[in-house]
Each structure stands twice: as structure tokens, then as C-alpha cells.
Amino acid sequence: MKKPIVLGIVGDSAAGKTTITKGIAQVLGEDRVTTICTDDYHKYNRKDRARMGITALHPDCNYLDIIEQHLRLLKDGQPILKPHYNHSTGDFDPPNYVEAREFIIVEGLLGYSTKAMRDCYDVKLYLAPPEELRFQWKMKRDTLKRGHTAEDVRKEMKAREPDSEAFIRPQRKWADIVISFYPPPEHKEETGGHLNASIVLRPTLPTHPDLSEVLEEGGNGIRLVLDRDMDLPVDRLEISGAISDKKAKQLEDLLWSYIPGEHHHLRSGDIGAITGTTGETLKSHPLALTQLLIAYHLLTAASGVIK
């Protein structure tokens, strides 16, 4: 087997890492993808962290050296015995035997903390939703799925804020692509299917797809602008949550045209799915197009093709 292609996804708690990972894996083919979470490498369980006054976001609370070792093994196509942190109980479950596949997605809080980690990735993403939106996502997830009370979530976010500022957000500078989903000004209450997407495309990747064919036909929900991010020049792709089905389909078709033909059997309309407030499944065009853009970079890297 050729060396796996490794994608890193870093962002703060409830920034949307698992959601974006799911759609990318669907495009690549789930049987071809190994997904691991660096948050499984905590040194201390929830009770010990509370007693010690340390948060899970602090590097000293995580076995960064073991993460480095495991990433190198997976990058070489070797299996690992990965720890398993149970977010519901706040304690550790038995470790999992994990085999490397063609694509490896590594998501978590501290994935770019060291150069040894960063050197293992072919593509690096950073997720940066507005803090107000991330708070709503975290409140929903932790109360509905992890059994926390709303007051517990508020206290946790307040306690974690200094470490978010010190250790999580600075990792943005290492990303090839920075993704921010945010509500449109006219619908500030939006948290799901109609969020806008702002995608910073840095020149650290060999190439980004040429979208001029779609852009030249007029905006209609998508535009590409020159911008600056962390004082560096970048391209910024803006996708409106109100983009029409027709325009979204045009951009999807264009992105697939850049992907090598042997991968086209993986094309599916299932990407971009999110869960609504009452449990229903919603379709987000900006999310689907973002997932496809990331998959484009991984598939072209796997084929050794640059366009």
C-alpha cells in the first residue's frame, strides 16, 4: 500500500470537527478511511482534571509524544493501539486496535501543537466558527449527547477560555485551509443548514481548484476575494447559506471535474447533512461544498495529480 494521505482537522471543542469529518469520509469512501481523535490521548480523567485544576485543552494534560509516535506509525501504514477517552463518563475505556487505510483523518484539539505532528499531515484544516455559534453547538451537544447540565457547560467554557486563547486558537497559523461557518446578518439566530461558509485558502498547498468558470457567471451565492488572514495574503471563498440548488450543483460538478476519474464512483448526494434542532436531517450546501473541496485535495494528493 502507498503511504496513506493524512488530513488534520483542528478546532476548539464543538467547532464542528466530527460533522465535517463525516462528509469527507463519505466522499472518499468510508471503507478507505481511518479516523482518530487526538482528544483520546488525555493524561487525566475528568475527576483528576478537576482536582488538579487543569483543563483538557492544556498540552500538559495530553500525551503529545504518544500522539506524535502514533501519527508517524499510521503515516507509515502501521497499526496502533489507540487510547479511548469516553466523553460521556469522563473516564478511559479499553484501547482500540486501529489499522491504517488509504486516508487517515486526525481530528482534535491539539493536533498541530508540535512540528513532529504537523509534519505528518498532507492537508491541515482549522475550524473557526464565531464563539457565539460554537457556544450554542457545544451547549446542544453536551446536554443532549453527553449528559451535562447547561450550567456545567457554561462553567466549563468559562474555565477553558484562557487555554483556548493560549493553546487552541494559535494553531490556526499552521493550517492550509481555515473554515468558518457563521450566521447571515439577516438571520443571526441561524445555527444549521443555512449558515454561510468562509473558507481561507492559503498558498501552502500545491494548488487550489480554479473556480473561475462558476464565478464568471455571476455571484449568486459564491464569490472569491483577495484578503489577509493573520497578516498574510490569502484567497477567501465565500459560500452563502442561501445559495441556490442550481448554483451549488454547478460548483459541485466543477470540483468533481478536477478529481481524477477513478474516484468518480464515490460521488454521492449524501454529503452536507446536519441534524436539526428537533432531530431531523438537514442539507447544507456550504457544508457539502466545503467537504467536497477538502476531499478534492486529498484525492488529488493520493493520485499524485496536480491541476
C-alpha atoms as a PDB file:
ATOM      1  CA  MET A   1       0.000   0.000   0.000  1.00  0.00           C
ATOM      2  CA  LYS A   2       1.175   3.520  -0.784  1.00  0.00           C
ATOM      3  CA  LYS A   3       1.700   5.725   2.213  1.00  0.00           C
ATOM      4  CA  PRO A   4      -1.666   6.964   3.485  1.00  0.00           C
ATOM      5  CA  ILE A   5      -2.797  10.524   2.847  1.00  0.00           C
ATOM      6  CA  VAL A   6      -3.293  12.243   6.218  1.00  0.00           C
ATOM      7  CA  LEU A   7      -5.764  15.063   6.882  1.00  0.00           C
ATOM      8  CA  GLY A   8      -5.605  17.101  10.081  1.00  0.00           C
ATOM      9  CA  ILE A   9      -8.679  18.867  11.464  1.00  0.00           C
ATOM     10  CA  VAL A  10      -8.087  21.092  14.481  1.00  0.00           C
ATOM     11  CA  GLY A  11     -10.534  23.340  16.298  1.00  0.00           C
ATOM     12  CA  ASP A  12     -11.902  24.080  19.730  1.00  0.00           C
ATOM     13  CA  SER A  13     -14.483  21.910  21.428  1.00  0.00           C
ATOM     14  CA  ALA A  14     -17.737  21.723  19.401  1.00  0.00           C
ATOM     15  CA  ALA A  15     -16.237  23.637  16.453  1.00  0.00           C
ATOM     16  CA  GLY A  16     -17.715  21.087  14.025  1.00  0.00           C
ATOM     17  CA  LYS A  17     -14.776  18.703  13.570  1.00  0.00           C
ATOM     18  CA  THR A  18     -16.819  15.487  13.655  1.00  0.00           C
ATOM     19  CA  THR A  19     -19.516  16.896  11.358  1.00  0.00           C
ATOM     20  CA  ILE A  20     -17.083  17.922   8.645  1.00  0.00           C
ATOM     21  CA  THR A  21     -15.147  14.660   9.017  1.00  0.00           C
ATOM     22  CA  LYS A  22     -18.264  12.585   8.328  1.00  0.00           C
ATOM     23  CA  GLY A  23     -18.946  14.117   4.923  1.00  0.00           C
ATOM     24  CA  ILE A  24     -15.310  13.963   3.839  1.00  0.00           C
ATOM     25  CA  ALA A  25     -15.223  10.258   4.686  1.00  0.00           C
ATOM     26  CA  GLN A  26     -18.398   9.722   2.638  1.00  0.00           C
ATOM     27  CA  VAL A  27     -16.793  11.288  -0.431  1.00  0.00           C
ATOM     28  CA  LEU A  28     -13.576   9.298  -0.014  1.00  0.00           C
ATOM     29  CA  GLY A  29     -15.384   6.036   0.758  1.00  0.00           C
ATOM     30  CA  GLU A  30     -15.786   5.162   4.424  1.00  0.00           C
ATOM     31  CA  ASP A  31     -14.115   1.766   3.990  1.00  0.00           C
ATOM     32  CA  ARG A  32     -10.976   3.589   2.804  1.00  0.00           C
ATOM     33  CA  VAL A  33     -10.760   5.981   5.768  1.00  0.00           C
ATOM     34  CA  THR A  34      -9.317   5.629   9.270  1.00  0.00           C
ATOM     35  CA  THR A  35     -10.440   8.345  11.688  1.00  0.00           C
ATOM     36  CA  ILE A  36      -8.800   9.028  15.025  1.00  0.00           C
ATOM     37  CA  CYS A  37      -9.244  11.759  17.629  1.00  0.00           C
ATOM     38  CA  THR A  38      -6.265  13.249  19.429  1.00  0.00           C
ATOM     39  CA  ASP A  39      -8.539  14.033  22.407  1.00  0.00           C
ATOM     40  CA  ASP A  40      -8.317  10.339  23.316  1.00  0.00           C
ATOM     41  CA  TYR A  41      -4.748  10.988  24.480  1.00  0.00           C
ATOM     42  CA  HIS A  42      -5.650  12.842  27.696  1.00  0.00           C
ATOM     43  CA  LYS A  43      -3.413  12.020  30.655  1.00  0.00           C
ATOM     44  CA  TYR A  44      -6.116  12.536  33.285  1.00  0.00           C
ATOM     45  CA  ASN A  45      -9.796  11.693  33.575  1.00  0.00           C
ATOM     46  CA  ARG A  46     -12.444  14.329  34.332  1.00  0.00           C
ATOM     47  CA  LYS A  47     -12.270  13.926  38.124  1.00  0.00           C
ATOM     48  CA  ASP A  48      -8.480  14.192  38.175  1.00  0.00           C
ATOM     49  CA  ARG A  49      -8.545  17.279  35.954  1.00  0.00           C
ATOM     50  CA  ALA A  50     -10.996  18.983  38.304  1.00  0.00           C
ATOM     51  CA  ARG A  51      -8.871  18.072  41.327  1.00  0.00           C
ATOM     52  CA  MET A  52      -5.673  19.300  39.663  1.00  0.00           C
ATOM     53  CA  GLY A  53      -7.209  22.455  38.200  1.00  0.00           C
ATOM     54  CA  ILE A  54      -6.125  21.668  34.648  1.00  0.00           C
ATOM     55  CA  THR A  55      -8.257  21.610  31.509  1.00  0.00           C
ATOM     56  CA  ALA A  56      -8.220  19.068  28.689  1.00  0.00           C
ATOM     57  CA  LEU A  57      -7.048  21.841  26.350  1.00  0.00           C
ATOM     58  CA  HIS A  58      -3.690  22.262  28.082  1.00  0.00           C
ATOM     59  CA  PRO A  59      -0.765  20.449  26.426  1.00  0.00           C
ATOM     60  CA  ASP A  60       0.386  19.211  29.849  1.00  0.00           C
ATOM     61  CA  CYS A  61      -2.902  17.308  30.109  1.00  0.00           C
ATOM     62  CA  ASN A  62      -2.179  15.272  26.974  1.00  0.00           C
ATOM     63  CA  TYR A  63       0.387  12.678  25.842  1.00  0.00           C
ATOM     64  CA  LEU A  64       1.645  14.722  22.910  1.00  0.00           C
ATOM     65  CA  ASP A  65       4.681  12.453  22.489  1.00  0.00           C
ATOM     66  CA  ILE A  66       2.437   9.404  22.042  1.00  0.00           C
ATOM     67  CA  ILE A  67       0.309  11.301  19.504  1.00  0.00           C
ATOM     68  CA  GLU A  68       3.491  12.055  17.547  1.00  0.00           C
ATOM     69  CA  GLN A  69       4.542   8.416  17.680  1.00  0.00           C
ATOM     70  CA  HIS A  70       1.134   7.128  16.580  1.00  0.00           C
ATOM     71  CA  LEU A  71       0.860   9.620  13.715  1.00  0.00           C
ATOM     72  CA  ARG A  72       4.251   8.524  12.391  1.00  0.00           C
ATOM     73  CA  LEU A  73       3.216   4.870  12.588  1.00  0.00           C
ATOM     74  CA  LEU A  74      -0.066   5.483  10.776  1.00  0.00           C
ATOM     75  CA  LYS A  75       1.695   7.602   8.148  1.00  0.00           C
ATOM     76  CA  ASP A  76       3.960   4.606   7.519  1.00  0.00           C
ATOM     77  CA  GLY A  77       0.920   2.343   7.161  1.00  0.00           C
ATOM     78  CA  GLN A  78       1.372   0.651  10.544  1.00  0.00           C
ATOM     79  CA  PRO A  79      -1.364  -0.159  13.100  1.00  0.00           C
ATOM     80  CA  ILE A  80      -1.598   1.448  16.539  1.00  0.00           C
ATOM     81  CA  LEU A  81      -3.192   0.625  19.875  1.00  0.00           C
ATOM     82  CA  LYS A  82      -5.069   3.866  20.475  1.00  0.00           C
ATOM     83  CA  PRO A  83      -6.351   5.009  23.876  1.00  0.00           C
ATOM     84  CA  HIS A  84     -10.066   5.708  24.165  1.00  0.00           C
ATOM     85  CA  TYR A  85     -11.415   8.583  26.262  1.00  0.00           C
ATOM     86  CA  ASN A  86     -15.144   8.318  26.953  1.00  0.00           C
ATOM     87  CA  HIS A  87     -16.644  11.817  26.828  1.00  0.00           C
ATOM     88  CA  SER A  88     -19.880  10.667  28.447  1.00  0.00           C
ATOM     89  CA  THR A  89     -18.284   9.145  31.551  1.00  0.00           C
ATOM     90  CA  GLY A  90     -15.189  11.348  31.645  1.00  0.00           C
ATOM     91  CA  ASP A  91     -13.004   8.274  32.060  1.00  0.00           C
ATOM     92  CA  PHE A  92     -10.998   5.886  29.904  1.00  0.00           C
ATOM     93  CA  ASP A  93     -12.335   2.802  28.130  1.00  0.00           C
ATOM     94  CA  PRO A  94     -10.133  -0.054  26.840  1.00  0.00           C
ATOM     95  CA  PRO A  95      -7.835   0.934  23.939  1.00  0.00           C
ATOM     96  CA  ASN A  96      -8.738   0.289  20.310  1.00  0.00           C
ATOM     97  CA  TYR A  97      -6.650  -1.518  17.688  1.00  0.00           C
ATOM     98  CA  VAL A  98      -6.551   0.846  14.701  1.00  0.00           C
ATOM     99  CA  GLU A  99      -5.246  -0.028  11.239  1.00  0.00           C
ATOM    100  CA  ALA A 100      -4.043   2.484   8.668  1.00  0.00           C
ATOM    101  CA  ARG A 101      -6.109   2.840   5.498  1.00  0.00           C
ATOM    102  CA  GLU A 102      -5.639   4.862   2.321  1.00  0.00           C
ATOM    103  CA  PHE A 103      -6.819   8.031   4.036  1.00  0.00           C
ATOM    104  CA  ILE A 104      -6.381   8.972   7.674  1.00  0.00           C
ATOM    105  CA  ILE A 105      -8.376  11.802   9.260  1.00  0.00           C
ATOM    106  CA  VAL A 106      -6.977  13.102  12.540  1.00  0.00           C
ATOM    107  CA  GLU A 107      -9.280  15.463  14.425  1.00  0.00           C
ATOM    108  CA  GLY A 108      -8.901  17.076  17.813  1.00  0.00           C
ATOM    109  CA  LEU A 109      -7.872  19.997  19.959  1.00  0.00           C
ATOM    110  CA  LEU A 110      -4.078  19.917  19.804  1.00  0.00           C
ATOM    111  CA  GLY A 111      -3.198  18.231  16.519  1.00  0.00           C
ATOM    112  CA  TYR A 112      -0.791  20.963  15.346  1.00  0.00           C
ATOM    113  CA  SER A 113       0.895  21.576  18.696  1.00  0.00           C
ATOM    114  CA  THR A 114       4.315  20.253  17.682  1.00  0.00           C
ATOM    115  CA  LYS A 115       6.338  20.233  14.480  1.00  0.00           C
ATOM    116  CA  ALA A 116       6.544  16.420  14.618  1.00  0.00           C
ATOM    117  CA  MET A 117       2.741  16.264  14.429  1.00  0.00           C
ATOM    118  CA  ARG A 118       2.471  18.890  11.702  1.00  0.00           C
ATOM    119  CA  ASP A 119       4.990  17.080   9.528  1.00  0.00           C
ATOM    120  CA  CYS A 120       2.687  14.038   9.343  1.00  0.00           C
ATOM    121  CA  TYR A 121      -0.179  15.814   7.556  1.00  0.00           C
ATOM    122  CA  ASP A 122      -0.720  16.225   3.828  1.00  0.00           C
ATOM    123  CA  VAL A 123      -3.537  18.747   4.363  1.00  0.00           C
ATOM    124  CA  LYS A 124      -4.269  20.771   7.505  1.00  0.00           C
ATOM    125  CA  LEU A 125      -7.632  22.370   8.339  1.00  0.00           C
ATOM    126  CA  TYR A 126      -8.566  24.701  11.161  1.00  0.00           C
ATOM    127  CA  LEU A 127     -12.216  25.272  12.101  1.00  0.00           C
ATOM    128  CA  ALA A 128     -13.022  28.752  13.416  1.00  0.00           C
ATOM    129  CA  PRO A 129     -16.757  29.379  13.916  1.00  0.00           C
ATOM    130  CA  PRO A 130     -17.761  32.539  15.818  1.00  0.00           C
ATOM    131  CA  GLU A 131     -17.611  31.932  19.562  1.00  0.00           C
ATOM    132  CA  GLU A 132     -21.333  32.634  19.980  1.00  0.00           C
ATOM    133  CA  LEU A 133     -22.177  29.895  17.498  1.00  0.00           C
ATOM    134  CA  ARG A 134     -19.671  27.456  18.983  1.00  0.00           C
ATOM    135  CA  PHE A 135     -21.251  28.031  22.411  1.00  0.00           C
ATOM    136  CA  GLN A 136     -24.671  27.088  21.019  1.00  0.00           C
ATOM    137  CA  TRP A 137     -23.271  23.983  19.313  1.00  0.00           C
ATOM    138  CA  LYS A 138     -21.455  22.919  22.496  1.00  0.00           C
ATOM    139  CA  MET A 139     -24.488  23.509  24.664  1.00  0.00           C
ATOM    140  CA  LYS A 140     -26.643  21.377  22.367  1.00  0.00           C
ATOM    141  CA  ARG A 141     -24.099  18.556  22.057  1.00  0.00           C
ATOM    142  CA  ASP A 142     -23.036  18.334  25.691  1.00  0.00           C
ATOM    143  CA  THR A 143     -26.548  18.486  27.136  1.00  0.00           C
ATOM    144  CA  LEU A 144     -28.211  16.147  24.627  1.00  0.00           C
ATOM    145  CA  LYS A 145     -25.401  13.655  23.919  1.00  0.00           C
ATOM    146  CA  ARG A 146     -23.020  13.795  26.881  1.00  0.00           C
ATOM    147  CA  GLY A 147     -25.400  14.204  29.796  1.00  0.00           C
ATOM    148  CA  HIS A 148     -24.120  17.564  31.064  1.00  0.00           C
ATOM    149  CA  THR A 149     -26.330  20.279  32.529  1.00  0.00           C
ATOM    150  CA  ALA A 150     -26.492  23.706  30.910  1.00  0.00           C
ATOM    151  CA  GLU A 151     -24.809  25.215  33.974  1.00  0.00           C
ATOM    152  CA  ASP A 152     -21.963  22.676  33.734  1.00  0.00           C
ATOM    153  CA  VAL A 153     -21.390  23.654  30.086  1.00  0.00           C
ATOM    154  CA  ARG A 154     -21.286  27.371  30.895  1.00  0.00           C
ATOM    155  CA  LYS A 155     -18.817  26.811  33.741  1.00  0.00           C
ATOM    156  CA  GLU A 156     -16.626  24.584  31.596  1.00  0.00           C
ATOM    157  CA  MET A 157     -16.415  27.073  28.731  1.00  0.00           C
ATOM    158  CA  LYS A 158     -15.529  29.882  31.133  1.00  0.00           C
ATOM    159  CA  ALA A 159     -12.804  27.776  32.768  1.00  0.00           C
ATOM    160  CA  ARG A 160     -11.421  26.706  29.395  1.00  0.00           C
ATOM    161  CA  GLU A 161     -11.287  30.140  27.790  1.00  0.00           C
ATOM    162  CA  PRO A 162      -7.713  31.016  28.883  1.00  0.00           C
ATOM    163  CA  ASP A 163      -6.415  27.723  27.454  1.00  0.00           C
ATOM    164  CA  SER A 164      -8.452  28.173  24.269  1.00  0.00           C
ATOM    165  CA  GLU A 165      -6.766  31.529  23.779  1.00  0.00           C
ATOM    166  CA  ALA A 166      -3.298  30.254  24.703  1.00  0.00           C
ATOM    167  CA  PHE A 167      -3.184  26.825  23.029  1.00  0.00           C
ATOM    168  CA  ILE A 168      -6.064  26.201  20.579  1.00  0.00           C
ATOM    169  CA  ARG A 169      -6.509  29.389  18.529  1.00  0.00           C
ATOM    170  CA  PRO A 170      -2.787  29.927  17.832  1.00  0.00           C
ATOM    171  CA  GLN A 171      -2.803  26.644  15.852  1.00  0.00           C
ATOM    172  CA  ARG A 172      -4.767  28.450  13.146  1.00  0.00           C
ATOM    173  CA  LYS A 173      -1.486  29.751  11.725  1.00  0.00           C
ATOM    174  CA  TRP A 174      -0.394  26.235  10.731  1.00  0.00           C
ATOM    175  CA  ALA A 175      -3.498  25.433   8.670  1.00  0.00           C
ATOM    176  CA  ASP A 176      -3.605  25.259   4.877  1.00  0.00           C
ATOM    177  CA  ILE A 177      -7.348  25.975   4.949  1.00  0.00           C
ATOM    178  CA  VAL A 178      -9.340  27.841   7.622  1.00  0.00           C
ATOM    179  CA  ILE A 179     -13.095  27.231   7.651  1.00  0.00           C
ATOM    180  CA  SER A 180     -15.659  29.424   9.396  1.00  0.00           C
ATOM    181  CA  PHE A 181     -19.385  28.764   9.324  1.00  0.00           C
ATOM    182  CA  TYR A 182     -21.388  31.767  10.510  1.00  0.00           C
ATOM    183  CA  PRO A 183     -24.988  33.018  10.502  1.00  0.00           C
ATOM    184  CA  PRO A 184     -26.035  35.554   7.860  1.00  0.00           C
ATOM    185  CA  PRO A 185     -26.561  39.081   9.245  1.00  0.00           C
ATOM    186  CA  GLU A 186     -30.276  38.957   8.460  1.00  0.00           C
ATOM    187  CA  HIS A 187     -30.728  35.656  10.361  1.00  0.00           C
ATOM    188  CA  LYS A 188     -28.440  35.834  13.373  1.00  0.00           C
ATOM    189  CA  GLU A 189     -30.381  33.028  15.055  1.00  0.00           C
ATOM    190  CA  GLU A 190     -29.358  30.508  12.343  1.00  0.00           C
ATOM    191  CA  THR A 191     -27.245  27.600  13.632  1.00  0.00           C
ATOM    192  CA  GLY A 192     -27.611  24.905  10.971  1.00  0.00           C
ATOM    193  CA  GLY A 193     -28.467  24.348   7.330  1.00  0.00           C
ATOM    194  CA  HIS A 194     -28.407  27.986   6.185  1.00  0.00           C
ATOM    195  CA  LEU A 195     -25.121  29.090   7.719  1.00  0.00           C
ATOM    196  CA  ASN A 196     -22.696  30.889   5.420  1.00  0.00           C
ATOM    197  CA  ALA A 197     -19.196  29.477   4.919  1.00  0.00           C
ATOM    198  CA  SER A 198     -16.000  31.491   4.742  1.00  0.00           C
ATOM    199  CA  ILE A 199     -13.023  29.428   3.542  1.00  0.00           C
ATOM    200  CA  VAL A 200      -9.487  30.820   3.729  1.00  0.00           C
ATOM    201  CA  LEU A 201      -7.293  29.200   1.058  1.00  0.00           C
ATOM    202  CA  ARG A 202      -3.605  29.618   1.800  1.00  0.00           C
ATOM    203  CA  PRO A 203      -0.822  29.064  -0.776  1.00  0.00           C
ATOM    204  CA  THR A 204       0.748  26.331   1.361  1.00  0.00           C
ATOM    205  CA  LEU A 205      -0.957  23.613  -0.708  1.00  0.00           C
ATOM    206  CA  PRO A 206       0.400  22.854  -4.208  1.00  0.00           C
ATOM    207  CA  THR A 207      -2.728  24.258  -5.848  1.00  0.00           C
ATOM    208  CA  HIS A 208      -6.365  25.118  -5.283  1.00  0.00           C
ATOM    209  CA  PRO A 209      -9.010  24.333  -7.900  1.00  0.00           C
ATOM    210  CA  ASP A 210      -9.747  27.008 -10.495  1.00  0.00           C
ATOM    211  CA  LEU A 211     -13.321  28.132  -9.832  1.00  0.00           C
ATOM    212  CA  SER A 212     -13.397  30.930 -12.405  1.00  0.00           C
ATOM    213  CA  GLU A 213     -15.808  29.008 -14.645  1.00  0.00           C
ATOM    214  CA  VAL A 214     -18.525  29.294 -11.995  1.00  0.00           C
ATOM    215  CA  LEU A 215     -17.504  32.686 -10.627  1.00  0.00           C
ATOM    216  CA  GLU A 216     -17.532  34.374 -14.048  1.00  0.00           C
ATOM    217  CA  GLU A 217     -21.220  33.566 -14.460  1.00  0.00           C
ATOM    218  CA  GLY A 218     -22.080  35.867 -11.559  1.00  0.00           C
ATOM    219  CA  GLY A 219     -22.088  35.564  -7.789  1.00  0.00           C
ATOM    220  CA  ASN A 220     -25.457  34.078  -6.865  1.00  0.00           C
ATOM    221  CA  GLY A 221     -24.200  32.820  -3.542  1.00  0.00           C
ATOM    222  CA  ILE A 222     -20.479  32.328  -4.187  1.00  0.00           C
ATOM    223  CA  ARG A 223     -17.543  34.691  -4.507  1.00  0.00           C
ATOM    224  CA  LEU A 224     -13.751  34.572  -4.270  1.00  0.00           C
ATOM    225  CA  VAL A 225     -11.891  37.584  -2.879  1.00  0.00           C
ATOM    226  CA  LEU A 226      -8.335  38.531  -2.016  1.00  0.00           C
ATOM    227  CA  ASP A 227      -7.926  39.015   1.717  1.00  0.00           C
ATOM    228  CA  ARG A 228      -5.459  38.828   4.591  1.00  0.00           C
ATOM    229  CA  ASP A 229      -5.503  36.296   7.412  1.00  0.00           C
ATOM    230  CA  MET A 230      -3.104  36.536  10.373  1.00  0.00           C
ATOM    231  CA  ASP A 231      -1.341  39.301   8.372  1.00  0.00           C
ATOM    232  CA  LEU A 232      -0.720  37.015   5.379  1.00  0.00           C
ATOM    233  CA  PRO A 233      -2.284  37.335   1.878  1.00  0.00           C
ATOM    234  CA  VAL A 234      -4.895  34.667   1.141  1.00  0.00           C
ATOM    235  CA  ASP A 235      -7.819  33.864  -1.116  1.00  0.00           C
ATOM    236  CA  ARG A 236     -11.152  33.721   0.676  1.00  0.00           C
ATOM    237  CA  LEU A 237     -14.024  31.701  -0.783  1.00  0.00           C
ATOM    238  CA  GLU A 238     -17.431  32.816   0.473  1.00  0.00           C
ATOM    239  CA  ILE A 239     -20.436  30.496   0.060  1.00  0.00           C
ATOM    240  CA  SER A 240     -23.855  31.778   1.076  1.00  0.00           C
ATOM    241  CA  GLY A 241     -26.221  29.592   3.056  1.00  0.00           C
ATOM    242  CA  ALA A 242     -28.888  30.795   0.620  1.00  0.00           C
ATOM    243  CA  ILE A 243     -27.014  29.569  -2.486  1.00  0.00           C
ATOM    244  CA  SER A 244     -29.429  28.066  -4.990  1.00  0.00           C
ATOM    245  CA  ASP A 245     -29.566  24.353  -5.714  1.00  0.00           C
ATOM    246  CA  LYS A 246     -28.554  25.119  -9.317  1.00  0.00           C
ATOM    247  CA  LYS A 247     -25.501  27.162  -8.374  1.00  0.00           C
ATOM    248  CA  ALA A 248     -24.400  24.647  -5.751  1.00  0.00           C
ATOM    249  CA  LYS A 249     -24.708  21.883  -8.354  1.00  0.00           C
ATOM    250  CA  GLN A 250     -22.551  23.894 -10.787  1.00  0.00           C
ATOM    251  CA  LEU A 251     -19.783  24.243  -8.230  1.00  0.00           C
ATOM    252  CA  GLU A 252     -20.066  20.594  -7.214  1.00  0.00           C
ATOM    253  CA  ASP A 253     -19.778  19.481 -10.851  1.00  0.00           C
ATOM    254  CA  LEU A 254     -16.754  21.733 -11.355  1.00  0.00           C
ATOM    255  CA  LEU A 255     -14.962  20.351  -8.288  1.00  0.00           C
ATOM    256  CA  TRP A 256     -15.625  16.773  -9.419  1.00  0.00           C
ATOM    257  CA  SER A 257     -14.191  17.620 -12.839  1.00  0.00           C
ATOM    258  CA  TYR A 258     -10.836  18.232 -11.143  1.00  0.00           C
ATOM    259  CA  ILE A 259     -10.906  14.935  -9.262  1.00  0.00           C
ATOM    260  CA  PRO A 260      -9.252  12.001 -11.072  1.00  0.00           C
ATOM    261  CA  GLY A 261     -11.832   9.845 -12.868  1.00  0.00           C
ATOM    262  CA  GLU A 262     -11.091   6.642 -10.969  1.00  0.00           C
ATOM    263  CA  HIS A 263     -12.694   8.222  -7.897  1.00  0.00           C
ATOM    264  CA  HIS A 264     -15.972   9.283  -9.545  1.00  0.00           C
ATOM    265  CA  HIS A 265     -17.806   6.125  -8.479  1.00  0.00           C
ATOM    266  CA  LEU A 266     -17.661   7.578  -4.935  1.00  0.00           C
ATOM    267  CA  ARG A 267     -19.844  10.528  -5.885  1.00  0.00           C
ATOM    268  CA  SER A 268     -22.829  10.762  -3.569  1.00  0.00           C
ATOM    269  CA  GLY A 269     -25.548  13.242  -2.723  1.00  0.00           C
ATOM    270  CA  ASP A 270     -25.393  12.397   0.975  1.00  0.00           C
ATOM    271  CA  ILE A 271     -22.739  14.914   1.997  1.00  0.00           C
ATOM    272  CA  GLY A 272     -23.625  18.169   3.725  1.00  0.00           C
ATOM    273  CA  ALA A 273     -26.021  16.514   6.166  1.00  0.00           C
ATOM    274  CA  ILE A 274     -26.553  18.027   9.615  1.00  0.00           C
ATOM    275  CA  THR A 275     -29.025  17.313  12.414  1.00  0.00           C
ATOM    276  CA  GLY A 276     -31.684  19.944  13.035  1.00  0.00           C
ATOM    277  CA  THR A 277     -32.949  21.177  16.391  1.00  0.00           C
ATOM    278  CA  THR A 278     -35.684  18.524  16.525  1.00  0.00           C
ATOM    279  CA  GLY A 279     -33.503  15.669  15.276  1.00  0.00           C
ATOM    280  CA  GLU A 280     -34.375  15.951  11.590  1.00  0.00           C
ATOM    281  CA  THR A 281     -31.684  15.688   8.899  1.00  0.00           C
ATOM    282  CA  LEU A 282     -30.990  18.907   7.023  1.00  0.00           C
ATOM    283  CA  LYS A 283     -28.904  19.620   3.915  1.00  0.00           C
ATOM    284  CA  SER A 284     -26.341  22.418   3.957  1.00  0.00           C
ATOM    285  CA  HIS A 285     -24.910  23.355   0.556  1.00  0.00           C
ATOM    286  CA  PRO A 286     -21.980  25.327   2.065  1.00  0.00           C
ATOM    287  CA  LEU A 287     -21.055  22.339   4.242  1.00  0.00           C
ATOM    288  CA  ALA A 288     -21.336  19.882   1.336  1.00  0.00           C
ATOM    289  CA  LEU A 289     -19.200  22.056  -0.947  1.00  0.00           C
ATOM    290  CA  THR A 290     -16.614  22.541   1.806  1.00  0.00           C
ATOM    291  CA  GLN A 291     -16.408  18.787   2.400  1.00  0.00           C
ATOM    292  CA  LEU A 292     -16.018  18.187  -1.339  1.00  0.00           C
ATOM    293  CA  LEU A 293     -13.284  20.838  -1.616  1.00  0.00           C
ATOM    294  CA  ILE A 294     -11.285  19.102   1.124  1.00  0.00           C
ATOM    295  CA  ALA A 295     -11.852  15.684  -0.466  1.00  0.00           C
ATOM    296  CA  TYR A 296     -10.589  17.123  -3.777  1.00  0.00           C
ATOM    297  CA  HIS A 297      -7.262  17.971  -2.132  1.00  0.00           C
ATOM    298  CA  LEU A 298      -6.960  14.525  -0.573  1.00  0.00           C
ATOM    299  CA  LEU A 299      -7.905  12.591  -3.714  1.00  0.00           C
ATOM    300  CA  THR A 300      -5.579  14.577  -5.959  1.00  0.00           C
ATOM    301  CA  ALA A 301      -2.774  14.094  -3.416  1.00  0.00           C
ATOM    302  CA  ALA A 302      -3.465  10.356  -3.405  1.00  0.00           C
ATOM    303  CA  SER A 303      -3.291  10.223  -7.204  1.00  0.00           C
ATOM    304  CA  GLY A 304      -0.188  12.397  -7.440  1.00  0.00           C
ATOM    305  CA  VAL A 305      -2.100  14.688  -9.782  1.00  0.00           C
ATOM    306  CA  ILE A 306      -1.863  18.479  -9.536  1.00  0.00           C
ATOM    307  CA  LYS A 307      -4.203  20.604 -11.631  1.00  0.00           C
END
